[in-house]
Amino acid sequence: MPSVKNPNHRSKNRLAAQANKAKKVRQKRSEENKHKIAKSDAQRGARPGLMPNSGPNAPLSKKKAKKLEKKIAHAIRRKMAEDGEVEMADLEEDEEAEEGKPANEVEMDNIA
């Protein structure tokens, strides 16, 4: 024989736990409808204003972002070389030559 007060119905604690669980599920469903966050992303920790922790929609780490940027830049350079466009590498040298004059020096020859 079970050692409980009344074995014919659930205890108060069980009823409260069941109600809390149902409430939590209802809140989750209404949030999903409001914010239109994919269920798979929500399972990975996505909330309004927060990206998921993993999966295809997760934000890239700084290290991976740098690597990806390098990869894309290299692909663009290859494509430009294939098309016959040449990168202007000597542009910086011309700018340095013009910077030879000090900026604060004023020409006095043309003053009338």
N, C-alpha and C. Protein backbone atom coordinates (compact mmCIF):
# COMPACT_ATOMS: atom_id res chain seq x y z
N MET A 1 0.84 -1.18 0.00
CA MET A 1 0.00 0.00 0.00
C MET A 1 0.88 1.25 0.00
N PRO A 2 0.62 2.23 -0.90
CA PRO A 2 1.47 3.42 -0.97
C PRO A 2 1.35 4.27 0.28
N SER A 3 2.51 4.81 0.67
CA SER A 3 2.52 5.63 1.89
C SER A 3 2.32 7.10 1.52
N VAL A 4 1.18 7.44 0.98
CA VAL A 4 0.82 8.82 0.65
C VAL A 4 -0.53 9.12 1.26
N LYS A 5 -0.86 10.41 1.32
CA LYS A 5 -2.13 10.79 1.96
C LYS A 5 -3.32 10.25 1.19
N ASN A 6 -3.37 10.55 -0.11
CA ASN A 6 -4.49 10.07 -0.92
C ASN A 6 -3.94 9.52 -2.24
N PRO A 7 -3.90 8.23 -2.42
CA PRO A 7 -3.33 7.64 -3.63
C PRO A 7 -4.22 7.77 -4.87
N ASN A 8 -5.40 8.36 -4.73
CA ASN A 8 -6.34 8.41 -5.85
C ASN A 8 -6.16 9.63 -6.76
N HIS A 9 -5.33 10.58 -6.38
CA HIS A 9 -5.10 11.74 -7.25
C HIS A 9 -3.67 12.25 -7.07
N ARG A 10 -3.24 13.15 -7.95
CA ARG A 10 -1.88 13.68 -7.90
C ARG A 10 -1.71 14.61 -6.70
N SER A 11 -0.49 14.67 -6.19
CA SER A 11 -0.22 15.56 -5.06
C SER A 11 -0.16 17.01 -5.53
N LYS A 12 -0.18 17.93 -4.57
CA LYS A 12 -0.11 19.37 -4.91
C LYS A 12 1.18 19.68 -5.66
N ASN A 13 2.28 19.09 -5.22
CA ASN A 13 3.57 19.35 -5.87
C ASN A 13 3.56 18.91 -7.34
N ARG A 14 3.00 17.72 -7.60
CA ARG A 14 2.93 17.23 -8.98
C ARG A 14 2.05 18.14 -9.83
N LEU A 15 0.90 18.55 -9.27
CA LEU A 15 0.00 19.44 -10.02
C LEU A 15 0.68 20.77 -10.33
N ALA A 16 1.40 21.33 -9.34
CA ALA A 16 2.10 22.61 -9.54
C ALA A 16 3.19 22.46 -10.60
N ALA A 17 3.93 21.35 -10.55
CA ALA A 17 5.00 21.12 -11.53
C ALA A 17 4.43 20.99 -12.93
N GLN A 18 3.31 20.27 -13.03
CA GLN A 18 2.68 20.10 -14.35
C GLN A 18 2.19 21.44 -14.89
N ALA A 19 1.61 22.27 -14.03
CA ALA A 19 1.13 23.59 -14.46
C ALA A 19 2.29 24.47 -14.90
N ASN A 20 3.39 24.43 -14.16
CA ASN A 20 4.56 25.23 -14.53
C ASN A 20 5.12 24.81 -15.88
N LYS A 21 5.17 23.51 -16.10
CA LYS A 21 5.69 23.00 -17.37
C LYS A 21 4.80 23.45 -18.53
N ALA A 22 3.49 23.35 -18.34
CA ALA A 22 2.55 23.77 -19.39
C ALA A 22 2.69 25.27 -19.66
N LYS A 23 2.88 26.05 -18.59
CA LYS A 23 3.05 27.50 -18.73
C LYS A 23 4.31 27.82 -19.53
N LYS A 24 5.38 27.12 -19.22
CA LYS A 24 6.65 27.33 -19.91
C LYS A 24 6.52 27.03 -21.41
N VAL A 25 5.84 25.93 -21.73
CA VAL A 25 5.64 25.54 -23.13
C VAL A 25 4.80 26.59 -23.86
N ARG A 26 3.74 27.08 -23.20
CA ARG A 26 2.89 28.13 -23.80
C ARG A 26 3.70 29.39 -24.08
N GLN A 27 4.53 29.79 -23.11
CA GLN A 27 5.35 31.00 -23.30
C GLN A 27 6.30 30.83 -24.48
N LYS A 28 6.93 29.67 -24.57
CA LYS A 28 7.87 29.42 -25.67
C LYS A 28 7.16 29.52 -27.02
N ARG A 29 5.97 28.90 -27.11
CA ARG A 29 5.23 28.92 -28.37
C ARG A 29 4.87 30.34 -28.78
N SER A 30 4.40 31.14 -27.81
CA SER A 30 3.99 32.51 -28.14
C SER A 30 5.21 33.35 -28.53
N GLU A 31 6.37 33.12 -27.89
CA GLU A 31 7.59 33.85 -28.25
C GLU A 31 8.01 33.51 -29.67
N GLU A 32 7.96 32.24 -30.02
CA GLU A 32 8.35 31.82 -31.37
C GLU A 32 7.47 32.50 -32.41
N ASN A 33 6.19 32.64 -32.12
CA ASN A 33 5.28 33.28 -33.07
C ASN A 33 5.55 34.78 -33.17
N LYS A 34 5.94 35.41 -32.07
CA LYS A 34 6.19 36.86 -32.08
C LYS A 34 7.46 37.20 -32.85
N HIS A 35 8.54 36.46 -32.59
CA HIS A 35 9.85 36.85 -33.09
C HIS A 35 10.28 36.12 -34.34
N LYS A 36 9.57 35.09 -34.72
CA LYS A 36 9.86 34.34 -35.94
C LYS A 36 11.29 33.80 -35.96
N ILE A 37 11.76 33.30 -34.82
CA ILE A 37 13.06 32.66 -34.76
C ILE A 37 12.84 31.18 -35.06
N ALA A 38 13.66 30.63 -35.93
CA ALA A 38 13.51 29.23 -36.32
C ALA A 38 13.64 28.33 -35.09
N LYS A 39 12.88 27.27 -35.08
CA LYS A 39 12.87 26.37 -33.93
C LYS A 39 14.26 25.78 -33.70
N SER A 40 14.94 25.43 -34.78
CA SER A 40 16.28 24.84 -34.65
C SER A 40 17.26 25.84 -34.04
N ASP A 41 17.12 27.13 -34.40
CA ASP A 41 17.99 28.15 -33.82
C ASP A 41 17.63 28.39 -32.36
N ALA A 42 16.34 28.36 -32.04
CA ALA A 42 15.91 28.56 -30.65
C ALA A 42 16.45 27.44 -29.77
N GLN A 43 16.53 26.23 -30.31
CA GLN A 43 17.08 25.11 -29.54
C GLN A 43 18.57 25.31 -29.29
N ARG A 44 19.22 26.07 -30.15
CA ARG A 44 20.66 26.32 -29.98
C ARG A 44 20.93 27.61 -29.22
N GLY A 45 19.92 28.16 -28.57
CA GLY A 45 20.14 29.31 -27.70
C GLY A 45 19.78 30.65 -28.30
N ALA A 46 19.19 30.68 -29.49
CA ALA A 46 18.85 31.96 -30.12
C ALA A 46 17.64 32.56 -29.41
N ARG A 47 17.72 33.86 -29.17
CA ARG A 47 16.64 34.63 -28.58
C ARG A 47 16.57 35.94 -29.34
N PRO A 48 15.55 36.75 -29.12
CA PRO A 48 15.52 38.05 -29.80
C PRO A 48 16.77 38.86 -29.44
N GLY A 49 17.57 39.19 -30.44
CA GLY A 49 18.80 39.93 -30.19
C GLY A 49 20.01 39.05 -29.94
N LEU A 50 19.85 37.73 -29.87
CA LEU A 50 20.97 36.81 -29.66
C LEU A 50 21.02 35.80 -30.78
N MET A 51 22.20 35.58 -31.30
CA MET A 51 22.38 34.58 -32.34
C MET A 51 22.51 33.20 -31.68
N PRO A 52 22.28 32.12 -32.42
CA PRO A 52 22.46 30.79 -31.85
C PRO A 52 23.94 30.50 -31.60
N ASN A 53 24.22 29.55 -30.71
CA ASN A 53 25.60 29.23 -30.35
C ASN A 53 26.29 28.36 -31.39
N SER A 54 25.53 27.63 -32.17
CA SER A 54 26.14 26.75 -33.18
C SER A 54 25.22 26.69 -34.38
N GLY A 55 25.63 25.93 -35.37
CA GLY A 55 24.80 25.78 -36.56
C GLY A 55 25.13 26.83 -37.61
N PRO A 56 24.41 26.82 -38.73
CA PRO A 56 24.74 27.71 -39.85
C PRO A 56 24.49 29.19 -39.56
N ASN A 57 23.59 29.51 -38.63
CA ASN A 57 23.30 30.91 -38.35
C ASN A 57 24.11 31.47 -37.19
N ALA A 58 25.02 30.69 -36.64
CA ALA A 58 25.85 31.16 -35.53
C ALA A 58 26.84 32.19 -36.04
N PRO A 59 27.17 33.21 -35.22
CA PRO A 59 28.14 34.20 -35.66
C PRO A 59 29.54 33.58 -35.75
N LEU A 60 30.34 34.09 -36.68
CA LEU A 60 31.70 33.58 -36.84
C LEU A 60 32.58 34.14 -35.73
N SER A 61 33.56 33.33 -35.32
CA SER A 61 34.55 33.84 -34.37
C SER A 61 35.46 34.81 -35.13
N LYS A 62 36.18 35.65 -34.39
CA LYS A 62 37.07 36.63 -35.03
C LYS A 62 38.13 35.92 -35.88
N LYS A 63 38.63 34.81 -35.37
CA LYS A 63 39.67 34.07 -36.09
C LYS A 63 39.12 33.54 -37.42
N LYS A 64 37.94 32.93 -37.39
CA LYS A 64 37.35 32.39 -38.61
C LYS A 64 36.98 33.50 -39.58
N ALA A 65 36.53 34.65 -39.03
CA ALA A 65 36.17 35.78 -39.89
C ALA A 65 37.40 36.29 -40.64
N LYS A 66 38.55 36.37 -39.94
CA LYS A 66 39.79 36.81 -40.60
C LYS A 66 40.18 35.84 -41.70
N LYS A 67 40.12 34.54 -41.39
CA LYS A 67 40.50 33.54 -42.38
C LYS A 67 39.59 33.62 -43.60
N LEU A 68 38.30 33.78 -43.37
CA LEU A 68 37.34 33.87 -44.46
C LEU A 68 37.60 35.11 -45.31
N GLU A 69 37.92 36.22 -44.63
CA GLU A 69 38.21 37.47 -45.36
C GLU A 69 39.44 37.29 -46.25
N LYS A 70 40.48 36.64 -45.71
CA LYS A 70 41.69 36.38 -46.50
C LYS A 70 41.36 35.51 -47.72
N LYS A 71 40.55 34.48 -47.48
CA LYS A 71 40.16 33.57 -48.55
C LYS A 71 39.44 34.32 -49.67
N ILE A 72 38.50 35.18 -49.28
CA ILE A 72 37.72 35.93 -50.27
C ILE A 72 38.61 36.90 -51.02
N ALA A 73 39.51 37.59 -50.30
CA ALA A 73 40.42 38.54 -50.95
C ALA A 73 41.31 37.81 -51.96
N HIS A 74 41.78 36.63 -51.60
CA HIS A 74 42.63 35.86 -52.51
C HIS A 74 41.84 35.44 -53.75
N ALA A 75 40.60 35.04 -53.55
CA ALA A 75 39.76 34.64 -54.68
C ALA A 75 39.51 35.82 -55.61
N ILE A 76 39.31 37.00 -55.03
CA ILE A 76 39.09 38.21 -55.85
C ILE A 76 40.35 38.53 -56.65
N ARG A 77 41.52 38.41 -55.98
CA ARG A 77 42.79 38.66 -56.68
C ARG A 77 42.98 37.70 -57.85
N ARG A 78 42.67 36.41 -57.62
CA ARG A 78 42.79 35.42 -58.69
C ARG A 78 41.86 35.76 -59.85
N LYS A 79 40.64 36.17 -59.53
CA LYS A 79 39.66 36.50 -60.57
C LYS A 79 40.13 37.71 -61.36
N MET A 80 40.68 38.73 -60.66
CA MET A 80 41.17 39.92 -61.35
C MET A 80 42.34 39.56 -62.27
N ALA A 81 43.23 38.68 -61.80
CA ALA A 81 44.36 38.27 -62.63
C ALA A 81 43.87 37.49 -63.85
N GLU A 82 42.85 36.70 -63.66
CA GLU A 82 42.29 35.93 -64.76
C GLU A 82 41.66 36.86 -65.80
N ASP A 83 41.02 37.93 -65.35
CA ASP A 83 40.38 38.88 -66.26
C ASP A 83 41.39 39.83 -66.91
N GLY A 84 42.61 39.86 -66.39
CA GLY A 84 43.63 40.72 -66.98
C GLY A 84 43.76 42.06 -66.28
N GLU A 85 43.04 42.29 -65.22
CA GLU A 85 43.18 43.54 -64.48
C GLU A 85 44.42 43.44 -63.60
N VAL A 86 45.15 44.56 -63.49
CA VAL A 86 46.38 44.57 -62.71
C VAL A 86 46.17 45.47 -61.50
N GLU A 87 46.62 44.99 -60.36
CA GLU A 87 46.52 45.80 -59.14
C GLU A 87 47.59 46.88 -59.18
N MET A 88 47.23 48.09 -58.77
CA MET A 88 48.17 49.21 -58.80
C MET A 88 49.04 49.17 -57.55
N ALA A 89 50.17 48.48 -57.64
CA ALA A 89 51.05 48.32 -56.48
C ALA A 89 51.93 49.55 -56.27
N ASP A 90 52.25 50.31 -57.35
CA ASP A 90 53.14 51.45 -57.22
C ASP A 90 52.40 52.72 -56.82
N LEU A 91 51.16 52.66 -56.53
CA LEU A 91 50.38 53.82 -56.13
C LEU A 91 50.91 54.39 -54.82
N GLU A 92 51.26 53.55 -53.89
CA GLU A 92 51.75 54.00 -52.59
C GLU A 92 53.08 54.73 -52.74
N GLU A 93 53.93 54.29 -53.65
CA GLU A 93 55.23 54.93 -53.84
C GLU A 93 55.06 56.36 -54.33
N ASP A 94 54.10 56.60 -55.23
CA ASP A 94 53.85 57.95 -55.74
C ASP A 94 53.36 58.87 -54.63
N GLU A 95 52.52 58.37 -53.76
CA GLU A 95 52.00 59.17 -52.66
C GLU A 95 53.13 59.56 -51.71
N GLU A 96 54.07 58.64 -51.47
CA GLU A 96 55.19 58.93 -50.58
C GLU A 96 56.09 60.00 -51.18
N ALA A 97 56.25 60.02 -52.49
CA ALA A 97 57.09 61.01 -53.14
C ALA A 97 56.48 62.41 -53.00
N GLU A 98 55.16 62.51 -53.10
CA GLU A 98 54.49 63.79 -52.96
C GLU A 98 54.53 64.29 -51.52
N GLU A 99 54.63 63.38 -50.58
CA GLU A 99 54.65 63.76 -49.18
C GLU A 99 56.02 64.31 -48.76
N GLY A 100 56.96 64.39 -49.66
CA GLY A 100 58.29 64.89 -49.36
C GLY A 100 58.27 66.33 -48.88
N LYS A 101 57.37 67.17 -49.40
CA LYS A 101 57.26 68.55 -48.97
C LYS A 101 56.52 68.60 -47.64
N PRO A 102 56.98 69.41 -46.70
CA PRO A 102 56.23 69.57 -45.46
C PRO A 102 54.90 70.28 -45.73
N ALA A 103 53.86 69.88 -45.05
CA ALA A 103 52.53 70.42 -45.30
C ALA A 103 52.40 71.86 -44.80
N ASN A 104 53.18 72.25 -43.79
CA ASN A 104 53.04 73.59 -43.23
C ASN A 104 53.86 74.64 -43.99
N GLU A 105 54.67 74.24 -44.95
CA GLU A 105 55.48 75.18 -45.72
C GLU A 105 54.60 75.85 -46.79
N VAL A 106 54.62 77.18 -46.84
CA VAL A 106 53.77 77.93 -47.76
C VAL A 106 54.67 78.55 -48.83
N GLU A 107 54.22 78.52 -50.09
CA GLU A 107 54.99 79.13 -51.16
C GLU A 107 54.85 80.65 -51.08
N MET A 108 55.97 81.35 -51.11
CA MET A 108 55.97 82.80 -50.96
C MET A 108 56.22 83.52 -52.29
N ASP A 109 56.47 82.79 -53.37
CA ASP A 109 56.83 83.41 -54.64
C ASP A 109 55.67 84.19 -55.26
N ASN A 110 54.46 83.72 -55.15
CA ASN A 110 53.33 84.32 -55.85
C ASN A 110 52.59 85.37 -55.04
N ILE A 111 53.15 85.82 -53.94
CA ILE A 111 52.47 86.84 -53.13
C ILE A 111 52.74 88.21 -53.74
N ALA A 112 51.68 89.00 -54.01
CA ALA A 112 51.85 90.30 -54.64
C ALA A 112 51.68 91.42 -53.65
